[in-house]
N, C-alpha and C. Protein backbone atom coordinates (compact mmCIF):
# COMPACT_ATOMS: atom_id res chain seq x y z
N UNK A 1 -21.43 30.52 35.35
CA UNK A 1 -21.89 31.02 34.06
C UNK A 1 -23.40 30.80 33.92
N UNK A 2 -23.95 31.52 33.01
CA UNK A 2 -25.36 31.43 32.72
C UNK A 2 -25.63 30.15 31.91
N UNK A 3 -26.61 29.35 32.31
CA UNK A 3 -26.90 28.11 31.57
C UNK A 3 -27.28 28.35 30.11
N UNK A 4 -27.88 29.50 29.82
CA UNK A 4 -28.25 29.79 28.44
C UNK A 4 -27.01 30.04 27.58
N UNK A 5 -25.97 30.65 28.16
CA UNK A 5 -24.73 30.85 27.42
C UNK A 5 -24.09 29.51 27.07
N UNK A 6 -24.09 28.60 28.02
CA UNK A 6 -23.53 27.28 27.77
C UNK A 6 -24.31 26.55 26.69
N UNK A 7 -25.62 26.63 26.74
CA UNK A 7 -26.46 25.97 25.74
C UNK A 7 -26.25 26.60 24.36
N UNK A 8 -26.11 27.90 24.31
CA UNK A 8 -25.86 28.58 23.04
C UNK A 8 -24.54 28.17 22.43
N UNK A 9 -23.50 28.08 23.24
CA UNK A 9 -22.19 27.65 22.74
C UNK A 9 -22.25 26.21 22.24
N UNK A 10 -22.95 25.35 22.97
CA UNK A 10 -23.08 23.97 22.55
C UNK A 10 -23.80 23.87 21.21
N UNK A 11 -24.86 24.63 21.05
CA UNK A 11 -25.60 24.61 19.78
C UNK A 11 -24.74 25.13 18.63
N UNK A 12 -23.93 26.16 18.88
CA UNK A 12 -23.03 26.66 17.85
C UNK A 12 -21.99 25.61 17.45
N UNK A 13 -21.43 24.92 18.43
CA UNK A 13 -20.45 23.88 18.13
C UNK A 13 -21.07 22.73 17.35
N UNK A 14 -22.28 22.35 17.73
CA UNK A 14 -22.97 21.29 17.00
C UNK A 14 -23.25 21.73 15.56
N UNK A 15 -23.66 22.98 15.38
CA UNK A 15 -23.92 23.50 14.04
C UNK A 15 -22.67 23.54 13.18
N UNK A 16 -21.56 23.98 13.76
CA UNK A 16 -20.29 24.01 13.02
C UNK A 16 -19.88 22.60 12.63
N UNK A 17 -20.02 21.66 13.57
CA UNK A 17 -19.68 20.27 13.27
C UNK A 17 -20.55 19.73 12.15
N UNK A 18 -21.83 20.05 12.14
CA UNK A 18 -22.74 19.58 11.10
C UNK A 18 -22.36 20.15 9.73
N UNK A 19 -21.97 21.41 9.69
CA UNK A 19 -21.55 22.02 8.42
C UNK A 19 -20.29 21.34 7.90
N UNK A 20 -19.33 21.11 8.78
CA UNK A 20 -18.09 20.44 8.37
C UNK A 20 -18.38 19.02 7.90
N UNK A 21 -19.22 18.30 8.62
CA UNK A 21 -19.57 16.93 8.22
C UNK A 21 -20.28 16.93 6.86
N UNK A 22 -21.15 17.90 6.62
CA UNK A 22 -21.83 18.00 5.34
C UNK A 22 -20.86 18.27 4.20
N UNK A 23 -19.91 19.17 4.42
CA UNK A 23 -18.92 19.46 3.39
C UNK A 23 -18.05 18.24 3.10
N UNK A 24 -17.69 17.51 4.13
CA UNK A 24 -16.90 16.29 3.93
C UNK A 24 -17.69 15.28 3.10
N UNK A 25 -18.97 15.11 3.41
CA UNK A 25 -19.79 14.16 2.66
C UNK A 25 -19.98 14.58 1.21
N UNK A 26 -19.99 15.88 0.94
CA UNK A 26 -20.14 16.36 -0.43
C UNK A 26 -18.86 16.15 -1.22
N UNK A 27 -17.70 16.47 -0.63
CA UNK A 27 -16.45 16.46 -1.38
C UNK A 27 -15.67 15.16 -1.25
N UNK A 28 -16.03 14.27 -0.35
CA UNK A 28 -15.29 13.02 -0.16
C UNK A 28 -15.31 12.12 -1.40
N UNK A 29 -16.44 11.96 -2.08
CA UNK A 29 -16.43 11.09 -3.27
C UNK A 29 -15.54 11.63 -4.41
N UNK A 30 -15.21 12.89 -4.38
CA UNK A 30 -14.39 13.47 -5.44
C UNK A 30 -12.90 13.23 -5.23
N UNK A 31 -12.50 12.75 -4.03
CA UNK A 31 -11.11 12.41 -3.78
C UNK A 31 -10.86 10.99 -4.30
N UNK A 32 -9.94 10.81 -5.24
CA UNK A 32 -9.80 9.51 -5.89
C UNK A 32 -9.19 8.42 -5.01
N UNK A 33 -8.40 8.76 -4.02
CA UNK A 33 -7.69 7.75 -3.26
C UNK A 33 -8.40 7.31 -1.99
N UNK A 34 -9.39 8.04 -1.54
CA UNK A 34 -10.09 7.69 -0.30
C UNK A 34 -10.93 6.43 -0.54
N UNK A 35 -10.67 5.41 0.26
CA UNK A 35 -11.42 4.17 0.14
C UNK A 35 -10.82 3.18 -0.83
N UNK A 36 -9.74 3.53 -1.49
CA UNK A 36 -9.12 2.64 -2.46
C UNK A 36 -7.63 2.45 -2.17
N UNK A 37 -7.25 2.52 -0.92
CA UNK A 37 -5.86 2.35 -0.54
C UNK A 37 -5.52 0.85 -0.49
N UNK A 38 -4.24 0.51 -0.52
CA UNK A 38 -3.86 -0.90 -0.54
C UNK A 38 -4.33 -1.71 0.68
N UNK A 39 -4.55 -1.09 1.82
CA UNK A 39 -4.99 -1.81 3.01
C UNK A 39 -6.48 -1.87 3.19
N UNK A 40 -7.26 -1.40 2.22
CA UNK A 40 -8.72 -1.45 2.29
C UNK A 40 -9.21 -2.76 1.70
N UNK A 41 -10.04 -3.47 2.44
CA UNK A 41 -10.48 -4.80 2.03
C UNK A 41 -11.89 -4.74 1.46
N UNK A 42 -12.08 -5.39 0.31
CA UNK A 42 -13.41 -5.54 -0.29
C UNK A 42 -13.59 -7.02 -0.62
N UNK A 43 -14.64 -7.61 -0.08
CA UNK A 43 -14.94 -9.01 -0.34
C UNK A 43 -16.31 -9.07 -0.99
N UNK A 44 -16.36 -9.61 -2.21
CA UNK A 44 -17.62 -9.72 -2.95
C UNK A 44 -17.94 -11.20 -3.14
N UNK A 45 -19.10 -11.60 -2.69
CA UNK A 45 -19.59 -12.98 -2.83
C UNK A 45 -21.05 -12.93 -3.28
N UNK A 46 -21.29 -13.19 -4.52
CA UNK A 46 -22.66 -13.18 -5.04
C UNK A 46 -23.27 -11.80 -4.92
N UNK A 47 -24.37 -11.71 -4.17
CA UNK A 47 -25.03 -10.41 -3.98
C UNK A 47 -24.64 -9.76 -2.66
N UNK A 48 -23.55 -10.21 -2.02
CA UNK A 48 -23.09 -9.68 -0.75
C UNK A 48 -21.73 -9.03 -0.95
N UNK A 49 -21.57 -7.80 -0.44
CA UNK A 49 -20.30 -7.09 -0.50
C UNK A 49 -19.94 -6.61 0.90
N UNK A 50 -18.73 -6.96 1.32
CA UNK A 50 -18.22 -6.52 2.62
C UNK A 50 -17.04 -5.59 2.36
N UNK A 51 -17.11 -4.39 2.91
CA UNK A 51 -16.08 -3.38 2.69
C UNK A 51 -15.52 -2.96 4.04
N UNK A 52 -14.19 -3.10 4.21
CA UNK A 52 -13.54 -2.71 5.46
C UNK A 52 -12.36 -1.80 5.13
N UNK A 53 -12.52 -0.48 5.30
CA UNK A 53 -11.45 0.48 4.94
C UNK A 53 -10.40 0.64 6.04
N UNK A 54 -9.58 -0.36 6.25
CA UNK A 54 -8.60 -0.36 7.33
C UNK A 54 -7.55 0.73 7.15
N UNK A 55 -6.91 0.80 6.00
CA UNK A 55 -5.85 1.79 5.77
C UNK A 55 -6.41 3.21 5.80
N UNK A 56 -7.57 3.41 5.21
CA UNK A 56 -8.19 4.74 5.21
C UNK A 56 -8.51 5.16 6.64
N UNK A 57 -9.01 4.25 7.47
CA UNK A 57 -9.33 4.57 8.86
C UNK A 57 -8.09 4.95 9.65
N UNK A 58 -7.00 4.24 9.42
CA UNK A 58 -5.76 4.54 10.14
C UNK A 58 -5.23 5.91 9.74
N UNK A 59 -5.24 6.22 8.45
CA UNK A 59 -4.74 7.52 7.98
C UNK A 59 -5.62 8.65 8.50
N UNK A 60 -6.94 8.49 8.47
CA UNK A 60 -7.83 9.53 8.99
C UNK A 60 -7.64 9.70 10.49
N UNK A 61 -7.40 8.63 11.21
CA UNK A 61 -7.16 8.72 12.64
C UNK A 61 -5.88 9.50 12.94
N UNK A 62 -4.84 9.25 12.18
CA UNK A 62 -3.58 9.98 12.38
C UNK A 62 -3.78 11.47 12.08
N UNK A 63 -4.47 11.78 10.99
CA UNK A 63 -4.70 13.18 10.62
C UNK A 63 -5.52 13.89 11.69
N UNK A 64 -6.60 13.26 12.16
CA UNK A 64 -7.44 13.88 13.19
C UNK A 64 -6.69 14.03 14.51
N UNK A 65 -5.83 13.08 14.85
CA UNK A 65 -5.03 13.19 16.07
C UNK A 65 -4.11 14.40 15.99
N UNK A 66 -3.49 14.61 14.85
CA UNK A 66 -2.61 15.76 14.67
C UNK A 66 -3.39 17.05 14.76
N UNK A 67 -4.53 17.11 14.10
CA UNK A 67 -5.35 18.34 14.11
C UNK A 67 -5.82 18.65 15.53
N UNK A 68 -6.32 17.65 16.25
CA UNK A 68 -6.81 17.89 17.61
C UNK A 68 -5.69 18.24 18.57
N UNK A 69 -4.51 17.70 18.36
CA UNK A 69 -3.39 18.04 19.25
C UNK A 69 -2.93 19.49 19.01
N UNK A 70 -3.06 19.96 17.78
CA UNK A 70 -2.69 21.36 17.48
C UNK A 70 -3.67 22.30 18.15
N UNK A 71 -4.98 22.00 18.06
CA UNK A 71 -5.99 22.89 18.65
C UNK A 71 -6.04 22.80 20.17
N UNK A 72 -5.54 21.71 20.74
CA UNK A 72 -5.59 21.54 22.18
C UNK A 72 -4.58 22.44 22.91
N UNK A 73 -3.51 22.78 22.24
CA UNK A 73 -2.46 23.59 22.87
C UNK A 73 -2.80 25.05 22.90
């Protein structure tokens, strides 16, 4: 294949990924349950806050695994 075709496809994929990531960042705060699930840990000590979204990470991982397995076939 032509190297320019490969570079063009790569740039298109990167652009599509950037648009999707931007949309997620815009609409994610509007979802009430993201980041506030029972398995998400928040530790506040004085002026220090530690946030570890364990349950949210697991659910997003499962969803992305399902989506990628559908597109892989």
